[in-house]
Each structure stands twice: as C-alpha cells, then as structure tokens.
Amino acid sequence: MTNSELAGVKLPDASDLSQIQEILGSNLKTFAGQTEGYWKDIEPRGRKFMILHMEAGNFVRASGAAGQDLSADDINNNFIILDGIDYKSNSKTDKLIYLEV
C-alpha cells in the first residue's frame, strides 16, 4: 500500500479540492491566510484533526506545542493527527486541508 492509499482506497490528489470535497462533504475544512511569521490558532486543543495536505513553506503543529513544528514533507501523505491546530504561513492563498476525526 502506498502512502496515498488508506485501507485499499486511493485518495484523490490534494490539488483537486473539489474532488476531495465531493467525497468528504462538510467534514472537509480548509484554511488559507498569511500569518506574518506568527502562529495562528486555527482549531482548539481538545479536538483531534487529521491534516490531509499543506503546501511547502508552511508549518503546522498541535495547538500550543512549541518546538514541534511540522513541514509539508512531514504532513503530506502521512495522515498526521493533531490535538488542535496552530498554523504558520507566508502565503495568502496556500490552503491547509484537514478534517476533524
């Protein structure tokens, strides 16, 4: 099984957000926004979120978990689950794609 397969089901390419939205419906969440070098609290601690895709140059971590920064290489195709989400980005358009689990 490759990293882009889960339980024998091939997941759509993250670049096709409409296809992922069709499969996951309202469970799919996205965030895009420049955080000016600061961590932005996207989702609160105490709730679990699976990060599906993030663009290179951006970072994510569990809420309040200083020093545990994860890059796109750490996240993409690895189905990382975090307790809350803090996000850092220098892009206004790059999307963080995730869902609550």
N, C-alpha and C. Protein backbone atom coordinates (compact mmCIF):
# COMPACT_ATOMS: atom_id res chain seq x y z
N MET A 1 0.85 -1.18 0.00
CA MET A 1 0.00 0.00 0.00
C MET A 1 0.89 1.24 0.00
N THR A 2 0.63 2.18 -0.88
CA THR A 2 1.42 3.41 -0.93
C THR A 2 0.90 4.38 0.12
N ASN A 3 1.66 5.47 0.33
CA ASN A 3 1.25 6.48 1.31
C ASN A 3 -0.04 7.18 0.92
N SER A 4 -0.37 7.21 -0.38
CA SER A 4 -1.59 7.90 -0.79
C SER A 4 -2.79 6.98 -0.82
N GLU A 5 -2.64 5.76 -0.29
CA GLU A 5 -3.74 4.82 -0.18
C GLU A 5 -4.02 4.57 1.30
N LEU A 6 -5.27 4.44 1.64
CA LEU A 6 -5.67 4.19 3.01
C LEU A 6 -6.73 3.11 2.97
N ALA A 7 -6.48 1.98 3.61
CA ALA A 7 -7.42 0.85 3.64
C ALA A 7 -7.80 0.41 2.23
N GLY A 8 -6.84 0.45 1.31
CA GLY A 8 -7.08 -0.02 -0.05
C GLY A 8 -7.80 0.97 -0.94
N VAL A 9 -8.08 2.16 -0.45
CA VAL A 9 -8.78 3.17 -1.25
C VAL A 9 -7.80 4.26 -1.62
N LYS A 10 -7.64 4.52 -2.90
CA LYS A 10 -6.73 5.58 -3.34
C LYS A 10 -7.40 6.93 -3.12
N LEU A 11 -6.70 7.80 -2.44
CA LEU A 11 -7.23 9.14 -2.18
C LEU A 11 -6.99 10.04 -3.37
N PRO A 12 -7.88 11.00 -3.62
CA PRO A 12 -7.66 11.94 -4.72
C PRO A 12 -6.48 12.84 -4.44
N ASP A 13 -5.92 13.38 -5.49
CA ASP A 13 -4.81 14.33 -5.38
C ASP A 13 -5.30 15.58 -4.65
N ALA A 14 -4.53 16.05 -3.69
CA ALA A 14 -4.93 17.22 -2.89
C ALA A 14 -5.09 18.48 -3.73
N SER A 15 -4.50 18.50 -4.93
CA SER A 15 -4.64 19.68 -5.78
C SER A 15 -6.05 19.79 -6.34
N ASP A 16 -6.83 18.71 -6.30
CA ASP A 16 -8.21 18.73 -6.78
C ASP A 16 -9.14 18.82 -5.58
N LEU A 17 -9.23 20.00 -5.00
CA LEU A 17 -10.02 20.23 -3.80
C LEU A 17 -11.49 19.89 -4.02
N SER A 18 -12.03 20.12 -5.22
CA SER A 18 -13.44 19.83 -5.48
C SER A 18 -13.72 18.33 -5.39
N GLN A 19 -12.78 17.49 -5.83
CA GLN A 19 -12.97 16.05 -5.74
C GLN A 19 -12.94 15.59 -4.28
N ILE A 20 -12.03 16.14 -3.51
CA ILE A 20 -11.96 15.80 -2.09
C ILE A 20 -13.23 16.26 -1.39
N GLN A 21 -13.72 17.46 -1.71
CA GLN A 21 -14.95 18.00 -1.11
C GLN A 21 -16.13 17.11 -1.44
N GLU A 22 -16.19 16.58 -2.64
CA GLU A 22 -17.28 15.70 -3.04
C GLU A 22 -17.29 14.43 -2.20
N ILE A 23 -16.12 13.90 -1.91
CA ILE A 23 -16.01 12.66 -1.13
C ILE A 23 -16.28 12.91 0.35
N LEU A 24 -15.68 13.96 0.92
CA LEU A 24 -15.75 14.19 2.37
C LEU A 24 -16.88 15.13 2.79
N GLY A 25 -17.44 15.86 1.85
CA GLY A 25 -18.55 16.75 2.16
C GLY A 25 -18.19 17.82 3.16
N SER A 26 -19.12 18.10 4.08
CA SER A 26 -18.92 19.19 5.03
C SER A 26 -17.88 18.86 6.10
N ASN A 27 -17.39 17.62 6.14
CA ASN A 27 -16.34 17.26 7.09
C ASN A 27 -15.00 17.88 6.73
N LEU A 28 -14.82 18.19 5.46
CA LEU A 28 -13.56 18.76 4.99
C LEU A 28 -13.48 20.23 5.40
N LYS A 29 -12.32 20.62 5.93
CA LYS A 29 -12.11 22.01 6.33
C LYS A 29 -10.85 22.52 5.65
N THR A 30 -10.83 23.81 5.37
CA THR A 30 -9.64 24.44 4.80
C THR A 30 -9.39 25.76 5.52
N PHE A 31 -8.14 26.17 5.47
CA PHE A 31 -7.77 27.49 5.96
C PHE A 31 -6.71 28.04 5.04
N ALA A 32 -6.83 29.29 4.66
CA ALA A 32 -5.80 29.99 3.88
C ALA A 32 -5.64 31.37 4.49
N GLY A 33 -4.41 31.78 4.67
CA GLY A 33 -4.16 33.12 5.18
C GLY A 33 -2.72 33.30 5.61
N GLN A 34 -2.23 34.49 5.38
CA GLN A 34 -0.87 34.83 5.77
C GLN A 34 -0.85 35.17 7.25
N THR A 35 0.06 34.55 7.99
CA THR A 35 0.10 34.76 9.44
C THR A 35 1.25 35.68 9.86
N GLU A 36 1.97 36.25 8.89
CA GLU A 36 3.03 37.23 9.15
C GLU A 36 4.10 36.72 10.11
N GLY A 37 4.45 35.43 9.98
CA GLY A 37 5.51 34.86 10.81
C GLY A 37 5.08 34.41 12.19
N TYR A 38 3.80 34.59 12.52
CA TYR A 38 3.28 34.18 13.82
C TYR A 38 2.46 32.90 13.68
N TRP A 39 2.31 32.17 14.78
CA TRP A 39 1.43 31.01 14.80
C TRP A 39 0.00 31.48 14.99
N LYS A 40 -0.90 30.96 14.18
CA LYS A 40 -2.33 31.29 14.29
C LYS A 40 -3.06 30.05 14.80
N ASP A 41 -3.86 30.23 15.85
CA ASP A 41 -4.67 29.15 16.40
C ASP A 41 -5.86 28.95 15.47
N ILE A 42 -5.85 27.82 14.74
CA ILE A 42 -6.92 27.53 13.77
C ILE A 42 -8.04 26.72 14.43
N GLU A 43 -7.65 25.71 15.21
CA GLU A 43 -8.61 24.84 15.90
C GLU A 43 -8.14 24.64 17.33
N PRO A 44 -9.08 24.54 18.28
CA PRO A 44 -8.71 24.46 19.70
C PRO A 44 -8.18 23.09 20.13
N ARG A 45 -7.35 23.10 21.15
CA ARG A 45 -6.87 21.87 21.79
C ARG A 45 -8.09 21.15 22.37
N GLY A 46 -7.99 19.82 22.43
CA GLY A 46 -9.10 19.03 22.95
C GLY A 46 -9.95 18.43 21.84
N ARG A 47 -9.66 18.77 20.61
CA ARG A 47 -10.33 18.18 19.44
C ARG A 47 -9.24 17.68 18.51
N LYS A 48 -9.45 16.53 17.90
CA LYS A 48 -8.45 15.89 17.03
C LYS A 48 -8.74 16.19 15.57
N PHE A 49 -7.66 16.48 14.83
CA PHE A 49 -7.77 16.82 13.42
C PHE A 49 -6.71 16.08 12.61
N MET A 50 -7.13 15.49 11.48
CA MET A 50 -6.20 14.85 10.56
C MET A 50 -5.85 15.86 9.48
N ILE A 51 -4.56 16.11 9.33
CA ILE A 51 -4.09 17.04 8.31
C ILE A 51 -3.92 16.27 7.01
N LEU A 52 -4.64 16.67 5.96
CA LEU A 52 -4.61 15.96 4.69
C LEU A 52 -3.58 16.53 3.72
N HIS A 53 -3.41 17.86 3.73
CA HIS A 53 -2.47 18.46 2.78
C HIS A 53 -2.09 19.86 3.23
N MET A 54 -0.82 20.19 2.92
CA MET A 54 -0.30 21.52 3.22
C MET A 54 0.78 21.81 2.19
N GLU A 55 0.86 23.05 1.73
CA GLU A 55 1.86 23.45 0.74
C GLU A 55 3.23 23.64 1.40
N ALA A 56 4.28 23.41 0.62
CA ALA A 56 5.66 23.61 1.08
C ALA A 56 5.85 25.06 1.52
N GLY A 57 6.64 25.26 2.56
CA GLY A 57 6.92 26.59 3.08
C GLY A 57 6.01 26.99 4.23
N ASN A 58 5.00 26.17 4.51
CA ASN A 58 4.08 26.42 5.61
C ASN A 58 4.35 25.42 6.73
N PHE A 59 3.85 25.72 7.92
CA PHE A 59 4.10 24.85 9.07
C PHE A 59 2.83 24.69 9.89
N VAL A 60 2.72 23.55 10.55
CA VAL A 60 1.58 23.24 11.41
C VAL A 60 2.11 22.53 12.65
N ARG A 61 1.36 22.62 13.74
CA ARG A 61 1.70 21.90 14.96
C ARG A 61 0.42 21.72 15.77
N ALA A 62 0.48 20.82 16.76
CA ALA A 62 -0.63 20.69 17.69
C ALA A 62 -0.76 22.01 18.44
N SER A 63 -1.95 22.36 18.83
CA SER A 63 -2.21 23.63 19.49
C SER A 63 -1.32 23.81 20.72
N GLY A 64 -0.51 24.87 20.71
CA GLY A 64 0.35 25.21 21.83
C GLY A 64 1.60 24.36 21.97
N ALA A 65 1.90 23.51 21.00
CA ALA A 65 3.05 22.59 21.09
C ALA A 65 4.30 23.25 20.53
N ALA A 66 4.85 24.21 21.26
CA ALA A 66 6.04 24.93 20.82
C ALA A 66 7.19 23.96 20.54
N GLY A 67 7.90 24.20 19.43
CA GLY A 67 9.05 23.38 19.08
C GLY A 67 8.71 22.09 18.36
N GLN A 68 7.45 21.84 18.09
CA GLN A 68 7.04 20.61 17.40
C GLN A 68 6.48 20.92 16.02
N ASP A 69 7.14 21.84 15.32
CA ASP A 69 6.71 22.29 14.01
C ASP A 69 6.80 21.16 12.99
N LEU A 70 5.77 21.03 12.15
CA LEU A 70 5.75 20.04 11.09
C LEU A 70 5.67 20.75 9.74
N SER A 71 6.50 20.32 8.80
CA SER A 71 6.53 20.90 7.46
C SER A 71 5.62 20.10 6.53
N ALA A 72 5.50 20.55 5.29
CA ALA A 72 4.71 19.82 4.29
C ALA A 72 5.26 18.42 4.08
N ASP A 73 6.57 18.25 4.12
CA ASP A 73 7.17 16.91 3.97
C ASP A 73 6.76 15.98 5.11
N ASP A 74 6.59 16.52 6.30
CA ASP A 74 6.16 15.72 7.45
C ASP A 74 4.68 15.35 7.36
N ILE A 75 3.89 16.22 6.74
CA ILE A 75 2.43 16.10 6.74
C ILE A 75 1.88 15.32 5.54
N ASN A 76 2.23 15.73 4.35
CA ASN A 76 1.59 15.20 3.15
C ASN A 76 1.79 13.70 3.00
N ASN A 77 0.68 13.01 2.77
CA ASN A 77 0.60 11.55 2.59
C ASN A 77 0.92 10.77 3.86
N ASN A 78 0.93 11.41 5.02
CA ASN A 78 1.22 10.72 6.27
C ASN A 78 0.04 10.67 7.24
N PHE A 79 -1.03 11.41 6.97
CA PHE A 79 -2.26 11.38 7.75
C PHE A 79 -2.01 11.64 9.24
N ILE A 80 -1.27 12.69 9.51
CA ILE A 80 -0.92 13.08 10.88
C ILE A 80 -2.17 13.61 11.60
N ILE A 81 -2.37 13.17 12.84
CA ILE A 81 -3.49 13.64 13.66
C ILE A 81 -2.93 14.52 14.77
N LEU A 82 -3.50 15.71 14.91
CA LEU A 82 -3.06 16.69 15.90
C LEU A 82 -4.17 17.01 16.88
N ASP A 83 -3.78 17.39 18.09
CA ASP A 83 -4.71 17.86 19.11
C ASP A 83 -4.79 19.38 18.95
N GLY A 84 -5.80 19.84 18.23
CA GLY A 84 -5.89 21.25 17.88
C GLY A 84 -4.90 21.58 16.78
N ILE A 85 -5.01 22.77 16.19
CA ILE A 85 -4.12 23.15 15.08
C ILE A 85 -3.64 24.58 15.26
N ASP A 86 -2.31 24.75 15.24
CA ASP A 86 -1.66 26.05 15.07
C ASP A 86 -1.03 26.02 13.69
N TYR A 87 -1.09 27.14 12.96
CA TYR A 87 -0.63 27.18 11.57
C TYR A 87 0.19 28.43 11.34
N LYS A 88 1.26 28.29 10.52
CA LYS A 88 2.10 29.44 10.16
C LYS A 88 2.32 29.41 8.66
N SER A 89 2.04 30.55 7.98
CA SER A 89 2.17 30.63 6.53
C SER A 89 2.56 32.04 6.09
N ASN A 90 3.35 32.11 5.03
CA ASN A 90 3.69 33.40 4.43
C ASN A 90 2.90 33.63 3.15
N SER A 91 1.91 32.79 2.88
CA SER A 91 1.10 32.89 1.67
C SER A 91 -0.35 33.20 2.01
N LYS A 92 -0.95 34.06 1.21
CA LYS A 92 -2.37 34.37 1.38
C LYS A 92 -3.25 33.31 0.73
N THR A 93 -2.69 32.53 -0.21
CA THR A 93 -3.50 31.60 -1.00
C THR A 93 -3.29 30.13 -0.70
N ASP A 94 -2.13 29.74 -0.14
CA ASP A 94 -1.90 28.33 0.18
C ASP A 94 -2.95 27.85 1.16
N LYS A 95 -3.47 26.63 0.91
CA LYS A 95 -4.53 26.10 1.76
C LYS A 95 -4.02 24.96 2.63
N LEU A 96 -4.43 25.00 3.88
CA LEU A 96 -4.28 23.88 4.80
C LEU A 96 -5.59 23.10 4.68
N ILE A 97 -5.49 21.79 4.37
CA ILE A 97 -6.69 20.97 4.18
C ILE A 97 -6.71 19.91 5.29
N TYR A 98 -7.81 19.84 6.03
CA TYR A 98 -7.88 18.94 7.18
C TYR A 98 -9.31 18.55 7.49
N LEU A 99 -9.49 17.58 8.39
CA LEU A 99 -10.81 17.23 8.85
C LEU A 99 -10.76 16.78 10.30
N GLU A 100 -11.87 16.97 11.00
CA GLU A 100 -11.95 16.55 12.39
C GLU A 100 -12.18 15.05 12.45
N VAL A 101 -11.44 14.38 13.34
CA VAL A 101 -11.59 12.92 13.48
C VAL A 101 -12.01 12.54 14.88
